[in-house]
């Protein structure tokens, strides 16, 4: 299979490989397809409903949750030294 990608998409793929997250462009595309498959496993509107429920709960926004997780990981690493 051959694909024609926009220059912006090609640049994004190159950046992902350069970041070290992926070994090569094929791995980037495979990860993107896997994400689409996961999204398609939900009935129409269900994922959006889950997201809306989570946001309405007021528990934690994504940025705050990520900061707390990073702080816990950093604390765990420093306590093991």
PDB file of N, CA and C in Angstrom:
ATOM      1  N   UNK A   1       0.842  -1.180   0.000  1.00  0.00           N
ATOM      2  CA  UNK A   1       0.000   0.000   0.000  1.00  0.00           C
ATOM      3  C   UNK A   1       0.887   1.243   0.000  1.00  0.00           C
ATOM      4  N   UNK A   2       0.505   2.184  -0.805  1.00  0.00           N
ATOM      5  CA  UNK A   2       1.220   3.458  -0.841  1.00  0.00           C
ATOM      6  C   UNK A   2       0.247   4.555  -0.432  1.00  0.00           C
ATOM      7  N   UNK A   3       0.757   5.495   0.327  1.00  0.00           N
ATOM      8  CA  UNK A   3      -0.068   6.606   0.801  1.00  0.00           C
ATOM      9  C   UNK A   3       0.564   7.925   0.397  1.00  0.00           C
ATOM     10  N   UNK A   4      -0.269   8.892   0.140  1.00  0.00           N
ATOM     11  CA  UNK A   4       0.207  10.249  -0.090  1.00  0.00           C
ATOM     12  C   UNK A   4      -0.202  11.073   1.116  1.00  0.00           C
ATOM     13  N   UNK A   5       0.776  11.645   1.797  1.00  0.00           N
ATOM     14  CA  UNK A   5       0.522  12.422   3.002  1.00  0.00           C
ATOM     15  C   UNK A   5       0.815  13.888   2.760  1.00  0.00           C
ATOM     16  N   UNK A   6       0.117  14.721   3.487  1.00  0.00           N
ATOM     17  CA  UNK A   6       0.382  16.159   3.386  1.00  0.00           C
ATOM     18  C   UNK A   6       1.766  16.438   3.982  1.00  0.00           C
ATOM     19  N   UNK A   7       2.399  17.526   3.566  1.00  0.00           N
ATOM     20  CA  UNK A   7       3.703  17.866   4.148  1.00  0.00           C
ATOM     21  C   UNK A   7       3.641  18.012   5.671  1.00  0.00           C
ATOM     22  N   UNK A   8       2.542  18.546   6.187  1.00  0.00           N
ATOM     23  CA  UNK A   8       2.408  18.717   7.638  1.00  0.00           C
ATOM     24  C   UNK A   8       2.371  17.361   8.342  1.00  0.00           C
ATOM     25  N   UNK A   9       1.677  16.397   7.752  1.00  0.00           N
ATOM     26  CA  UNK A   9       1.609  15.065   8.347  1.00  0.00           C
ATOM     27  C   UNK A   9       2.964  14.382   8.284  1.00  0.00           C
ATOM     28  N   UNK A  10       3.658  14.515   7.175  1.00  0.00           N
ATOM     29  CA  UNK A  10       5.004  13.935   7.051  1.00  0.00           C
ATOM     30  C   UNK A  10       5.940  14.536   8.100  1.00  0.00           C
ATOM     31  N   UNK A  11       5.860  15.836   8.282  1.00  0.00           N
ATOM     32  CA  UNK A  11       6.713  16.509   9.275  1.00  0.00           C
ATOM     33  C   UNK A  11       6.393  16.009  10.685  1.00  0.00           C
ATOM     34  N   UNK A  12       5.105  15.851  10.988  1.00  0.00           N
ATOM     35  CA  UNK A  12       4.697  15.341  12.299  1.00  0.00           C
ATOM     36  C   UNK A  12       5.270  13.944  12.529  1.00  0.00           C
ATOM     37  N   UNK A  13       5.167  13.095  11.532  1.00  0.00           N
ATOM     38  CA  UNK A  13       5.694  11.731  11.654  1.00  0.00           C
ATOM     39  C   UNK A  13       7.200  11.758  11.876  1.00  0.00           C
ATOM     40  N   UNK A  14       7.896  12.598  11.139  1.00  0.00           N
ATOM     41  CA  UNK A  14       9.348  12.722  11.328  1.00  0.00           C
ATOM     42  C   UNK A  14       9.677  13.178  12.750  1.00  0.00           C
ATOM     43  N   UNK A  15       8.899  14.122  13.260  1.00  0.00           N
ATOM     44  CA  UNK A  15       9.133  14.616  14.626  1.00  0.00           C
ATOM     45  C   UNK A  15       8.913  13.516  15.659  1.00  0.00           C
ATOM     46  N   UNK A  16       7.896  12.699  15.460  1.00  0.00           N
ATOM     47  CA  UNK A  16       7.621  11.609  16.395  1.00  0.00           C
ATOM     48  C   UNK A  16       8.766  10.596  16.402  1.00  0.00           C
ATOM     49  N   UNK A  17       9.301  10.289  15.231  1.00  0.00           N
ATOM     50  CA  UNK A  17      10.437   9.369  15.147  1.00  0.00           C
ATOM     51  C   UNK A  17      11.665  10.005  15.791  1.00  0.00           C
ATOM     52  N   UNK A  18      11.903  11.268  15.483  1.00  0.00           N
ATOM     53  CA  UNK A  18      13.064  11.976  16.024  1.00  0.00           C
ATOM     54  C   UNK A  18      13.007  12.065  17.548  1.00  0.00           C
ATOM     55  N   UNK A  19      11.793  12.148  18.100  1.00  0.00           N
ATOM     56  CA  UNK A  19      11.639  12.251  19.554  1.00  0.00           C
ATOM     57  C   UNK A  19      12.057  10.969  20.261  1.00  0.00           C
ATOM     58  N   UNK A  20      12.142   9.881  19.506  1.00  0.00           N
ATOM     59  CA  UNK A  20      12.510   8.608  20.098  1.00  0.00           C
ATOM     60  C   UNK A  20      11.323   7.780  20.572  1.00  0.00           C
ATOM     61  N   UNK A  21      10.122   8.321  20.437  1.00  0.00           N
ATOM     62  CA  UNK A  21       8.935   7.576  20.853  1.00  0.00           C
ATOM     63  C   UNK A  21       8.653   6.398  19.930  1.00  0.00           C
ATOM     64  N   UNK A  22       9.071   6.516  18.680  1.00  0.00           N
ATOM     65  CA  UNK A  22       8.799   5.493  17.676  1.00  0.00           C
ATOM     66  C   UNK A  22      10.079   5.173  16.938  1.00  0.00           C
ATOM     67  N   UNK A  23      10.200   3.923  16.519  1.00  0.00           N
ATOM     68  CA  UNK A  23      11.416   3.496  15.823  1.00  0.00           C
ATOM     69  C   UNK A  23      11.488   4.004  14.395  1.00  0.00           C
ATOM     70  N   UNK A  24      10.320   4.081  13.735  1.00  0.00           N
ATOM     71  CA  UNK A  24      10.301   4.489  12.334  1.00  0.00           C
ATOM     72  C   UNK A  24       8.897   4.980  11.970  1.00  0.00           C
ATOM     73  N   UNK A  25       8.728   5.540  10.778  1.00  0.00           N
ATOM     74  CA  UNK A  25       7.420   6.060  10.374  1.00  0.00           C
ATOM     75  C   UNK A  25       6.308   5.009  10.391  1.00  0.00           C
ATOM     76  N   UNK A  26       6.645   3.771  10.076  1.00  0.00           N
ATOM     77  CA  UNK A  26       5.634   2.717  10.095  1.00  0.00           C
ATOM     78  C   UNK A  26       5.032   2.567  11.487  1.00  0.00           C
ATOM     79  N   UNK A  27       5.869   2.626  12.511  1.00  0.00           N
ATOM     80  CA  UNK A  27       5.372   2.501  13.883  1.00  0.00           C
ATOM     81  C   UNK A  27       4.452   3.661  14.256  1.00  0.00           C
ATOM     82  N   UNK A  28       4.727   4.853  13.752  1.00  0.00           N
ATOM     83  CA  UNK A  28       3.857   6.000  14.015  1.00  0.00           C
ATOM     84  C   UNK A  28       2.483   5.759  13.403  1.00  0.00           C
ATOM     85  N   UNK A  29       2.466   5.324  12.159  1.00  0.00           N
ATOM     86  CA  UNK A  29       1.194   5.082  11.467  1.00  0.00           C
ATOM     87  C   UNK A  29       0.437   3.938  12.138  1.00  0.00           C
ATOM     88  N   UNK A  30       1.137   2.878  12.536  1.00  0.00           N
ATOM     89  CA  UNK A  30       0.474   1.763  13.213  1.00  0.00           C
ATOM     90  C   UNK A  30      -0.145   2.203  14.538  1.00  0.00           C
ATOM     91  N   UNK A  31       0.544   3.068  15.271  1.00  0.00           N
ATOM     92  CA  UNK A  31      -0.005   3.584  16.529  1.00  0.00           C
ATOM     93  C   UNK A  31      -1.249   4.431  16.271  1.00  0.00           C
ATOM     94  N   UNK A  32      -1.214   5.221  15.221  1.00  0.00           N
ATOM     95  CA  UNK A  32      -2.374   6.045  14.879  1.00  0.00           C
ATOM     96  C   UNK A  32      -3.569   5.171  14.508  1.00  0.00           C
ATOM     97  N   UNK A  33      -3.334   4.124  13.745  1.00  0.00           N
ATOM     98  CA  UNK A  33      -4.413   3.215  13.350  1.00  0.00           C
ATOM     99  C   UNK A  33      -4.955   2.480  14.577  1.00  0.00           C
ATOM    100  N   UNK A  34      -4.089   2.066  15.484  1.00  0.00           N
ATOM    101  CA  UNK A  34      -4.534   1.389  16.704  1.00  0.00           C
ATOM    102  C   UNK A  34      -5.424   2.316  17.530  1.00  0.00           C
ATOM    103  N   UNK A  35      -5.077   3.590  17.581  1.00  0.00           N
ATOM    104  CA  UNK A  35      -5.896   4.561  18.303  1.00  0.00           C
ATOM    105  C   UNK A  35      -7.265   4.700  17.654  1.00  0.00           C
ATOM    106  N   UNK A  36      -7.290   4.754  16.337  1.00  0.00           N
ATOM    107  CA  UNK A  36      -8.576   4.833  15.631  1.00  0.00           C
ATOM    108  C   UNK A  36      -9.429   3.603  15.895  1.00  0.00           C
ATOM    109  N   UNK A  37      -8.793   2.426  15.921  1.00  0.00           N
ATOM    110  CA  UNK A  37      -9.532   1.192  16.197  1.00  0.00           C
ATOM    111  C   UNK A  37     -10.164   1.237  17.590  1.00  0.00           C
ATOM    112  N   UNK A  38      -9.418   1.706  18.576  1.00  0.00           N
ATOM    113  CA  UNK A  38      -9.950   1.810  19.934  1.00  0.00           C
ATOM    114  C   UNK A  38     -11.140   2.760  19.975  1.00  0.00           C
ATOM    115  N   UNK A  39     -11.026   3.869  19.284  1.00  0.00           N
ATOM    116  CA  UNK A  39     -12.105   4.853  19.248  1.00  0.00           C
ATOM    117  C   UNK A  39     -13.342   4.251  18.596  1.00  0.00           C
ATOM    118  N   UNK A  40     -13.137   3.495  17.539  1.00  0.00           N
ATOM    119  CA  UNK A  40     -14.261   2.902  16.809  1.00  0.00           C
ATOM    120  C   UNK A  40     -14.934   1.770  17.569  1.00  0.00           C
ATOM    121  N   UNK A  41     -14.295   1.258  18.631  1.00  0.00           N
ATOM    122  CA  UNK A  41     -14.906   0.197  19.429  1.00  0.00           C
ATOM    123  C   UNK A  41     -16.088   0.693  20.256  1.00  0.00           C
ATOM    124  N   UNK A  42     -16.179   1.996  20.460  1.00  0.00           N
ATOM    125  CA  UNK A  42     -17.285   2.561  21.220  1.00  0.00           C
ATOM    126  C   UNK A  42     -18.473   2.813  20.304  1.00  0.00           C
ATOM    127  N   UNK A  43     -19.689   2.546  20.792  1.00  0.00           N
ATOM    128  CA  UNK A  43     -20.869   2.908  19.997  1.00  0.00           C
ATOM    129  C   UNK A  43     -20.894   4.420  19.766  1.00  0.00           C
ATOM    130  N   UNK A  44     -21.506   4.875  18.688  1.00  0.00           N
ATOM    131  CA  UNK A  44     -21.527   6.318  18.391  1.00  0.00           C
ATOM    132  C   UNK A  44     -22.004   7.141  19.588  1.00  0.00           C
ATOM    133  N   UNK A  45     -21.211   8.123  19.960  1.00  0.00           N
ATOM    134  CA  UNK A  45     -21.571   9.050  21.020  1.00  0.00           C
ATOM    135  C   UNK A  45     -21.192   8.603  22.419  1.00  0.00           C
ATOM    136  N   UNK A  46     -20.869   7.318  22.605  1.00  0.00           N
ATOM    137  CA  UNK A  46     -20.581   6.824  23.952  1.00  0.00           C
ATOM    138  C   UNK A  46     -19.284   7.402  24.513  1.00  0.00           C
ATOM    139  N   UNK A  47     -18.237   7.437  23.733  1.00  0.00           N
ATOM    140  CA  UNK A  47     -16.970   7.986  24.209  1.00  0.00           C
ATOM    141  C   UNK A  47     -17.134   9.451  24.578  1.00  0.00           C
ATOM    142  N   UNK A  48     -17.835  10.207  23.743  1.00  0.00           N
ATOM    143  CA  UNK A  48     -18.071  11.616  24.036  1.00  0.00           C
ATOM    144  C   UNK A  48     -18.865  11.774  25.331  1.00  0.00           C
ATOM    145  N   UNK A  49     -19.828  10.856  25.562  1.00  0.00           N
ATOM    146  CA  UNK A  49     -20.619  10.910  26.786  1.00  0.00           C
ATOM    147  C   UNK A  49     -19.734  10.640  28.005  1.00  0.00           C
ATOM    148  N   UNK A  50     -18.837   9.661  27.897  1.00  0.00           N
ATOM    149  CA  UNK A  50     -17.921   9.374  28.996  1.00  0.00           C
ATOM    150  C   UNK A  50     -17.022  10.575  29.303  1.00  0.00           C
ATOM    151  N   UNK A  51     -16.526  11.196  28.256  1.00  0.00           N
ATOM    152  CA  UNK A  51     -15.658  12.363  28.434  1.00  0.00           C
ATOM    153  C   UNK A  51     -16.428  13.489  29.114  1.00  0.00           C
ATOM    154  N   UNK A  52     -17.641  13.749  28.648  1.00  0.00           N
ATOM    155  CA  UNK A  52     -18.463  14.803  29.241  1.00  0.00           C
ATOM    156  C   UNK A  52     -18.760  14.501  30.713  1.00  0.00           C
ATOM    157  N   UNK A  53     -19.069  13.251  31.034  1.00  0.00           N
ATOM    158  CA  UNK A  53     -19.326  12.880  32.427  1.00  0.00           C
ATOM    159  C   UNK A  53     -18.095  13.110  33.293  1.00  0.00           C
ATOM    160  N   UNK A  54     -16.947  12.734  32.771  1.00  0.00           N
ATOM    161  CA  UNK A  54     -15.708  12.936  33.523  1.00  0.00           C
ATOM    162  C   UNK A  54     -15.414  14.400  33.765  1.00  0.00           C
ATOM    163  N   UNK A  55     -15.597  15.206  32.736  1.00  0.00           N
ATOM    164  CA  UNK A  55     -15.352  16.639  32.885  1.00  0.00           C
ATOM    165  C   UNK A  55     -16.342  17.263  33.854  1.00  0.00           C
ATOM    166  N   UNK A  56     -17.593  16.806  33.816  1.00  0.00           N
ATOM    167  CA  UNK A  56     -18.625  17.359  34.699  1.00  0.00           C
ATOM    168  C   UNK A  56     -18.420  16.953  36.150  1.00  0.00           C
ATOM    169  N   UNK A  57     -17.706  15.850  36.373  1.00  0.00           N
ATOM    170  CA  UNK A  57     -17.508  15.382  37.740  1.00  0.00           C
ATOM    171  C   UNK A  57     -16.654  16.354  38.543  1.00  0.00           C
ATOM    172  N   UNK A  58     -15.832  17.151  37.843  1.00  0.00           N
ATOM    173  CA  UNK A  58     -14.986  18.114  38.536  1.00  0.00           C
ATOM    174  C   UNK A  58     -13.834  17.480  39.284  1.00  0.00           C
ATOM    175  N   UNK A  59     -13.620  16.196  39.059  1.00  0.00           N
ATOM    176  CA  UNK A  59     -12.572  15.503  39.807  1.00  0.00           C
ATOM    177  C   UNK A  59     -11.203  16.088  39.500  1.00  0.00           C
ATOM    178  N   UNK A  60     -10.716  15.928  38.291  1.00  0.00           N
ATOM    179  CA  UNK A  60      -9.424  16.483  37.875  1.00  0.00           C
ATOM    180  C   UNK A  60      -9.441  16.717  36.375  1.00  0.00           C
ATOM    181  N   UNK A  61      -8.893  17.835  35.968  1.00  0.00           N
ATOM    182  CA  UNK A  61      -8.699  18.017  34.535  1.00  0.00           C
ATOM    183  C   UNK A  61      -7.432  17.275  34.137  1.00  0.00           C
ATOM    184  N   UNK A  62      -7.292  17.031  32.860  1.00  0.00           N
ATOM    185  CA  UNK A  62      -6.173  16.239  32.364  1.00  0.00           C
ATOM    186  C   UNK A  62      -4.815  16.800  32.733  1.00  0.00           C
ATOM    187  N   UNK A  63      -4.657  18.117  32.625  1.00  0.00           N
ATOM    188  CA  UNK A  63      -3.357  18.731  32.915  1.00  0.00           C
ATOM    189  C   UNK A  63      -2.996  18.553  34.386  1.00  0.00           C
ATOM    190  N   UNK A  64      -3.955  18.733  35.280  1.00  0.00           N
ATOM    191  CA  UNK A  64      -3.702  18.571  36.709  1.00  0.00           C
ATOM    192  C   UNK A  64      -3.374  17.120  37.031  1.00  0.00           C
ATOM    193  N   UNK A  65      -4.123  16.201  36.434  1.00  0.00           N
ATOM    194  CA  UNK A  65      -3.866  14.775  36.668  1.00  0.00           C
ATOM    195  C   UNK A  65      -2.463  14.405  36.202  1.00  0.00           C
ATOM    196  N   UNK A  66      -2.054  14.912  35.053  1.00  0.00           N
ATOM    197  CA  UNK A  66      -0.724  14.613  34.534  1.00  0.00           C
ATOM    198  C   UNK A  66       0.358  15.177  35.448  1.00  0.00           C
ATOM    199  N   UNK A  67       0.177  16.411  35.936  1.00  0.00           N
ATOM    200  CA  UNK A  67       1.160  16.999  36.855  1.00  0.00           C
ATOM    201  C   UNK A  67       1.288  16.179  38.128  1.00  0.00           C
ATOM    202  N   UNK A  68       0.158  15.726  38.668  1.00  0.00           N
ATOM    203  CA  UNK A  68       0.192  14.930  39.890  1.00  0.00           C
ATOM    204  C   UNK A  68       0.870  13.590  39.645  1.00  0.00           C
ATOM    205  N   UNK A  69       0.599  12.980  38.515  1.00  0.00           N
ATOM    206  CA  UNK A  69       1.231  11.692  38.200  1.00  0.00           C
ATOM    207  C   UNK A  69       2.738  11.856  38.057  1.00  0.00           C
ATOM    208  N   UNK A  70       3.158  12.905  37.365  1.00  0.00           N
ATOM    209  CA  UNK A  70       4.596  13.139  37.207  1.00  0.00           C
ATOM    210  C   UNK A  70       5.256  13.387  38.555  1.00  0.00           C
ATOM    211  N   UNK A  71       4.586  14.130  39.438  1.00  0.00           N
ATOM    212  CA  UNK A  71       5.144  14.406  40.767  1.00  0.00           C
ATOM    213  C   UNK A  71       5.273  13.113  41.570  1.00  0.00           C
ATOM    214  N   UNK A  72       4.263  12.229  41.496  1.00  0.00           N
ATOM    215  CA  UNK A  72       4.328  10.950  42.209  1.00  0.00           C
ATOM    216  C   UNK A  72       5.472  10.089  41.672  1.00  0.00           C
ATOM    217  N   UNK A  73       5.631  10.068  40.344  1.00  0.00           N
ATOM    218  CA  UNK A  73       6.715   9.270  39.761  1.00  0.00           C
ATOM    219  C   UNK A  73       8.073   9.812  40.186  1.00  0.00           C
ATOM    220  N   UNK A  74       8.214  11.150  40.169  1.00  0.00           N
ATOM    221  CA  UNK A  74       9.477  11.759  40.562  1.00  0.00           C
ATOM    222  C   UNK A  74       9.761  11.479  42.035  1.00  0.00           C
ATOM    223  N   UNK A  75       8.742  11.538  42.868  1.00  0.00           N
ATOM    224  CA  UNK A  75       8.922  11.251  44.302  1.00  0.00           C
ATOM    225  C   UNK A  75       9.314   9.802  44.504  1.00  0.00           C
ATOM    226  N   UNK A  76       8.723   8.907  43.732  1.00  0.00           N
ATOM    227  CA  UNK A  76       9.049   7.490  43.842  1.00  0.00           C
ATOM    228  C   UNK A  76      10.477   7.209  43.433  1.00  0.00           C
ATOM    229  N   UNK A  77      10.937   7.876  42.391  1.00  0.00           N
ATOM    230  CA  UNK A  77      12.324   7.687  41.936  1.00  0.00           C
ATOM    231  C   UNK A  77      13.315   8.219  42.962  1.00  0.00           C
ATOM    232  N   UNK A  78      13.020   9.382  43.539  1.00  0.00           N
ATOM    233  CA  UNK A  78      13.970   9.966  44.475  1.00  0.00           C
ATOM    234  C   UNK A  78      14.021   9.199  45.797  1.00  0.00           C
ATOM    235  N   UNK A  79      12.898   8.552  46.175  1.00  0.00           N
ATOM    236  CA  UNK A  79      12.900   7.782  47.421  1.00  0.00           C
ATOM    237  C   UNK A  79      13.634   6.460  47.274  1.00  0.00           C
ATOM    238  N   UNK A  80      13.830   5.992  46.039  1.00  0.00           N
ATOM    239  CA  UNK A  80      14.517   4.721  45.791  1.00  0.00           C
ATOM    240  C   UNK A  80      16.042   4.896  45.737  1.00  0.00           C
ATOM    241  N   UNK A  81      16.493   6.111  45.732  1.00  0.00           N
ATOM    242  CA  UNK A  81      17.941   6.352  45.608  1.00  0.00           C
ATOM    243  C   UNK A  81      18.639   6.258  46.905  1.00  0.00           C
TER     244      UNK A  81
END
